[in-house]
C-alpha atoms as a PDB file:
ATOM      1  CA  UNK A   1      32.790 -17.890   6.971  1.00  0.00           C
ATOM      2  CA  UNK A   2      30.807 -15.212   4.944  1.00  0.00           C
ATOM      3  CA  UNK A   3      27.199 -14.846   5.035  1.00  0.00           C
ATOM      4  CA  UNK A   4      25.204 -16.372   2.159  1.00  0.00           C
ATOM      5  CA  UNK A   5      22.338 -14.608   0.544  1.00  0.00           C
ATOM      6  CA  UNK A   6      19.091 -15.304   2.225  1.00  0.00           C
ATOM      7  CA  UNK A   7      20.688 -17.868   4.628  1.00  0.00           C
ATOM      8  CA  UNK A   8      22.536 -15.785   7.280  1.00  0.00           C
ATOM      9  CA  UNK A   9      25.978 -16.630   8.635  1.00  0.00           C
ATOM     10  CA  UNK A  10      26.620 -20.293   9.146  1.00  0.00           C
ATOM     11  CA  UNK A  11      28.062 -21.776  12.402  1.00  0.00           C
ATOM     12  CA  UNK A  12      30.494 -24.611  11.994  1.00  0.00           C
ATOM     13  CA  UNK A  13      29.990 -27.407  14.617  1.00  0.00           C
ATOM     14  CA  UNK A  14      32.294 -30.097  13.223  1.00  0.00           C
ATOM     15  CA  UNK A  15      29.431 -32.231  11.815  1.00  0.00           C
ATOM     16  CA  UNK A  16      28.239 -29.796   9.180  1.00  0.00           C
ATOM     17  CA  UNK A  17      26.859 -26.331   8.961  1.00  0.00           C
ATOM     18  CA  UNK A  18      24.125 -25.312  11.375  1.00  0.00           C
ATOM     19  CA  UNK A  19      22.078 -22.189  10.310  1.00  0.00           C
ATOM     20  CA  UNK A  20      20.972 -19.782  12.802  1.00  0.00           C
ATOM     21  CA  UNK A  21      17.276 -19.487  13.453  1.00  0.00           C
ATOM     22  CA  UNK A  22      15.771 -16.461  12.042  1.00  0.00           C
ATOM     23  CA  UNK A  23      14.421 -13.900  14.330  1.00  0.00           C
ATOM     24  CA  UNK A  24      10.669 -13.434  14.825  1.00  0.00           C
ATOM     25  CA  UNK A  25       9.567 -10.176  13.186  1.00  0.00           C
ATOM     26  CA  UNK A  26       7.763  -7.996  15.647  1.00  0.00           C
ATOM     27  CA  UNK A  27       5.610  -5.035  14.712  1.00  0.00           C
ATOM     28  CA  UNK A  28       5.561  -1.680  16.721  1.00  0.00           C
ATOM     29  CA  UNK A  29       2.485  -1.786  19.035  1.00  0.00           C
ATOM     30  CA  UNK A  30       0.219   0.406  16.764  1.00  0.00           C
ATOM     31  CA  UNK A  31      -2.919  -1.236  17.871  1.00  0.00           C
ATOM     32  CA  UNK A  32      -5.561   0.709  19.811  1.00  0.00           C
ATOM     33  CA  UNK A  33      -5.780  -0.261  23.577  1.00  0.00           C
ATOM     34  CA  UNK A  34      -9.046  -1.859  23.050  1.00  0.00           C
ATOM     35  CA  UNK A  35      -7.797  -4.382  20.346  1.00  0.00           C
ATOM     36  CA  UNK A  36      -7.787  -7.769  22.198  1.00  0.00           C
ATOM     37  CA  UNK A  37      -4.404  -9.597  21.927  1.00  0.00           C
ATOM     38  CA  UNK A  38      -3.386 -13.142  22.839  1.00  0.00           C
ATOM     39  CA  UNK A  39      -0.022 -14.359  24.114  1.00  0.00           C
ATOM     40  CA  UNK A  40       1.758 -16.838  21.813  1.00  0.00           C
ATOM     41  CA  UNK A  41       0.809 -19.546  24.421  1.00  0.00           C
ATOM     42  CA  UNK A  42      -2.839 -18.590  24.218  1.00  0.00           C
ATOM     43  CA  UNK A  43      -2.624 -18.625  20.396  1.00  0.00           C
ATOM     44  CA  UNK A  44      -1.072 -22.024  20.439  1.00  0.00           C
ATOM     45  CA  UNK A  45      -3.723 -23.379  22.719  1.00  0.00           C
ATOM     46  CA  UNK A  46      -6.571 -21.923  20.666  1.00  0.00           C
ATOM     47  CA  UNK A  47      -5.075 -23.310  17.463  1.00  0.00           C
ATOM     48  CA  UNK A  48      -4.115 -26.697  18.902  1.00  0.00           C
ATOM     49  CA  UNK A  49      -0.492 -26.059  17.984  1.00  0.00           C
ATOM     50  CA  UNK A  50       2.840 -26.010  19.844  1.00  0.00           C
ATOM     51  CA  UNK A  51       4.270 -22.585  20.699  1.00  0.00           C
ATOM     52  CA  UNK A  52       7.139 -23.396  18.389  1.00  0.00           C
ATOM     53  CA  UNK A  53       4.672 -23.794  15.538  1.00  0.00           C
ATOM     54  CA  UNK A  54       3.142 -20.449  16.307  1.00  0.00           C
ATOM     55  CA  UNK A  55       6.621 -18.869  16.236  1.00  0.00           C
ATOM     56  CA  UNK A  56       7.243 -20.500  12.871  1.00  0.00           C
ATOM     57  CA  UNK A  57       3.900 -18.902  11.546  1.00  0.00           C
ATOM     58  CA  UNK A  58       5.328 -15.601  12.787  1.00  0.00           C
ATOM     59  CA  UNK A  59       8.581 -16.105  10.956  1.00  0.00           C
ATOM     60  CA  UNK A  60       6.778 -17.175   7.810  1.00  0.00           C
ATOM     61  CA  UNK A  61       4.743 -13.989   7.952  1.00  0.00           C
ATOM     62  CA  UNK A  62       1.405 -15.836   8.320  1.00  0.00           C
ATOM     63  CA  UNK A  63       0.776 -13.861  11.470  1.00  0.00           C
ATOM     64  CA  UNK A  64       1.967 -10.573  12.889  1.00  0.00           C
ATOM     65  CA  UNK A  65       2.948  -9.999  16.516  1.00  0.00           C
ATOM     66  CA  UNK A  66       3.457  -6.982  18.734  1.00  0.00           C
ATOM     67  CA  UNK A  67       5.446  -6.611  21.883  1.00  0.00           C
ATOM     68  CA  UNK A  68       3.688  -5.425  24.976  1.00  0.00           C
ATOM     69  CA  UNK A  69       5.420  -5.405  28.374  1.00  0.00           C
ATOM     70  CA  UNK A  70       8.323  -7.526  26.891  1.00  0.00           C
ATOM     71  CA  UNK A  71       5.976 -10.248  25.640  1.00  0.00           C
ATOM     72  CA  UNK A  72       4.785 -11.127  22.237  1.00  0.00           C
ATOM     73  CA  UNK A  73       1.101 -10.962  21.454  1.00  0.00           C
ATOM     74  CA  UNK A  74      -1.068 -11.515  18.404  1.00  0.00           C
ATOM     75  CA  UNK A  75      -4.422  -9.794  17.788  1.00  0.00           C
ATOM     76  CA  UNK A  76      -7.222 -12.286  18.661  1.00  0.00           C
ATOM     77  CA  UNK A  77      -9.102 -11.221  15.570  1.00  0.00           C
ATOM     78  CA  UNK A  78      -6.410 -13.060  13.471  1.00  0.00           C
ATOM     79  CA  UNK A  79      -7.922 -16.274  14.801  1.00  0.00           C
ATOM     80  CA  UNK A  80     -11.129 -18.177  13.706  1.00  0.00           C
ATOM     81  CA  UNK A  81     -12.694 -21.012  15.419  1.00  0.00           C
ATOM     82  CA  UNK A  82     -11.038 -23.445  13.061  1.00  0.00           C
ATOM     83  CA  UNK A  83      -7.623 -21.838  12.579  1.00  0.00           C
ATOM     84  CA  UNK A  84      -6.330 -18.549  11.166  1.00  0.00           C
ATOM     85  CA  UNK A  85      -8.791 -16.115   9.577  1.00  0.00           C
ATOM     86  CA  UNK A  86      -9.274 -17.271   5.925  1.00  0.00           C
ATOM     87  CA  UNK A  87      -7.236 -15.026   3.650  1.00  0.00           C
ATOM     88  CA  UNK A  88      -5.065 -13.404   6.387  1.00  0.00           C
ATOM     89  CA  UNK A  89      -1.864 -15.107   5.270  1.00  0.00           C
ATOM     90  CA  UNK A  90      -2.478 -14.106   1.626  1.00  0.00           C
ATOM     91  CA  UNK A  91      -3.283 -10.471   2.580  1.00  0.00           C
ATOM     92  CA  UNK A  92      -0.136 -10.181   4.651  1.00  0.00           C
ATOM     93  CA  UNK A  93       1.866 -11.542   1.642  1.00  0.00           C
ATOM     94  CA  UNK A  94       0.298  -9.034  -0.700  1.00  0.00           C
ATOM     95  CA  UNK A  95       0.964  -6.193   1.764  1.00  0.00           C
ATOM     96  CA  UNK A  96       4.608  -7.394   2.110  1.00  0.00           C
ATOM     97  CA  UNK A  97       5.054  -7.509  -1.587  1.00  0.00           C
ATOM     98  CA  UNK A  98       3.740  -4.076  -1.691  1.00  0.00           C
ATOM     99  CA  UNK A  99       6.552  -2.841   0.640  1.00  0.00           C
ATOM    100  CA  UNK A 100       4.615  -2.696   3.920  1.00  0.00           C
ATOM    101  CA  UNK A 101       6.598  -3.575   7.114  1.00  0.00           C
ATOM    102  CA  UNK A 102       4.941  -5.395   9.953  1.00  0.00           C
ATOM    103  CA  UNK A 103       3.797  -2.245  11.677  1.00  0.00           C
ATOM    104  CA  UNK A 104       2.275  -0.771   8.531  1.00  0.00           C
ATOM    105  CA  UNK A 105       0.387  -4.047   7.936  1.00  0.00           C
ATOM    106  CA  UNK A 106      -1.279  -3.990  11.337  1.00  0.00           C
ATOM    107  CA  UNK A 107      -2.027  -0.314  10.879  1.00  0.00           C
ATOM    108  CA  UNK A 108      -3.645  -1.037   7.587  1.00  0.00           C
ATOM    109  CA  UNK A 109      -5.614  -4.063   8.735  1.00  0.00           C
ATOM    110  CA  UNK A 110      -7.074  -2.178  11.732  1.00  0.00           C
ATOM    111  CA  UNK A 111      -7.862   1.157  10.028  1.00  0.00           C
ATOM    112  CA  UNK A 112     -11.561   1.634   9.068  1.00  0.00           C
ATOM    113  CA  UNK A 113     -12.170   1.803   5.382  1.00  0.00           C
ATOM    114  CA  UNK A 114     -15.597   3.289   4.424  1.00  0.00           C
ATOM    115  CA  UNK A 115     -15.587   1.350   1.128  1.00  0.00           C
ATOM    116  CA  UNK A 116     -15.529  -2.006   2.851  1.00  0.00           C
ATOM    117  CA  UNK A 117     -17.272  -0.835   5.399  1.00  0.00           C
ATOM    118  CA  UNK A 118     -15.352  -1.517   8.510  1.00  0.00           C
ATOM    119  CA  UNK A 119     -11.685  -2.453   8.860  1.00  0.00           C
ATOM    120  CA  UNK A 120      -9.937  -4.892   6.516  1.00  0.00           C
ATOM    121  CA  UNK A 121      -9.571  -7.470   9.298  1.00  0.00           C
ATOM    122  CA  UNK A 122     -13.315  -7.373  10.013  1.00  0.00           C
ATOM    123  CA  UNK A 123     -13.895  -7.785   6.256  1.00  0.00           C
ATOM    124  CA  UNK A 124     -11.625 -10.864   6.245  1.00  0.00           C
ATOM    125  CA  UNK A 125     -13.488 -12.351   9.201  1.00  0.00           C
ATOM    126  CA  UNK A 126     -16.691 -12.039   7.346  1.00  0.00           C
ATOM    127  CA  UNK A 127     -15.435 -13.768   4.145  1.00  0.00           C
ATOM    128  CA  UNK A 128     -14.886 -10.673   2.127  1.00  0.00           C
ATOM    129  CA  UNK A 129     -11.187 -11.564   1.431  1.00  0.00           C
ATOM    130  CA  UNK A 130     -11.327 -10.775  -2.322  1.00  0.00           C
ATOM    131  CA  UNK A 131     -12.218  -7.234  -1.590  1.00  0.00           C
ATOM    132  CA  UNK A 132      -9.545  -6.934   1.056  1.00  0.00           C
ATOM    133  CA  UNK A 133      -6.741  -8.358  -1.256  1.00  0.00           C
ATOM    134  CA  UNK A 134      -7.964  -6.074  -4.066  1.00  0.00           C
ATOM    135  CA  UNK A 135      -7.581  -3.002  -1.790  1.00  0.00           C
ATOM    136  CA  UNK A 136      -4.182  -4.343  -0.586  1.00  0.00           C
ATOM    137  CA  UNK A 137      -2.956  -4.701  -4.071  1.00  0.00           C
ATOM    138  CA  UNK A 138      -4.201  -1.256  -4.969  1.00  0.00           C
ATOM    139  CA  UNK A 139      -2.382   0.280  -1.958  1.00  0.00           C
ATOM    140  CA  UNK A 140       0.878  -0.698  -3.588  1.00  0.00           C
ATOM    141  CA  UNK A 141       0.359   2.015  -6.298  1.00  0.00           C
END
């Protein structure tokens, strides 16, 4: 059976069509060695979610993961006390719409910007999301 746009190739199992699960996008490990990362299990525990829900957040581009030593990790700075850092998912969407891939998004979030000051992820963590999104939109041009 041919692939359908946006749906992949269906598998026929007699009772209907079962669509394959989409792969989790993984960024190149462009992070500095001193950037703290958490395993998906640690992210799930901190957020009070299942590991499957964390994988879903990754597939939906609400989080970005890197692979280190064969395992997936998420920067700990993406998490706040009560969930994901406010504005992170929206910023990732803006960057994706601007044509950034996952590795470029990480590089952008963790690169110092003198006009913020600090890095965009630090600015998001301190409730300066509007400025971060404005810069993300401007980077598309």
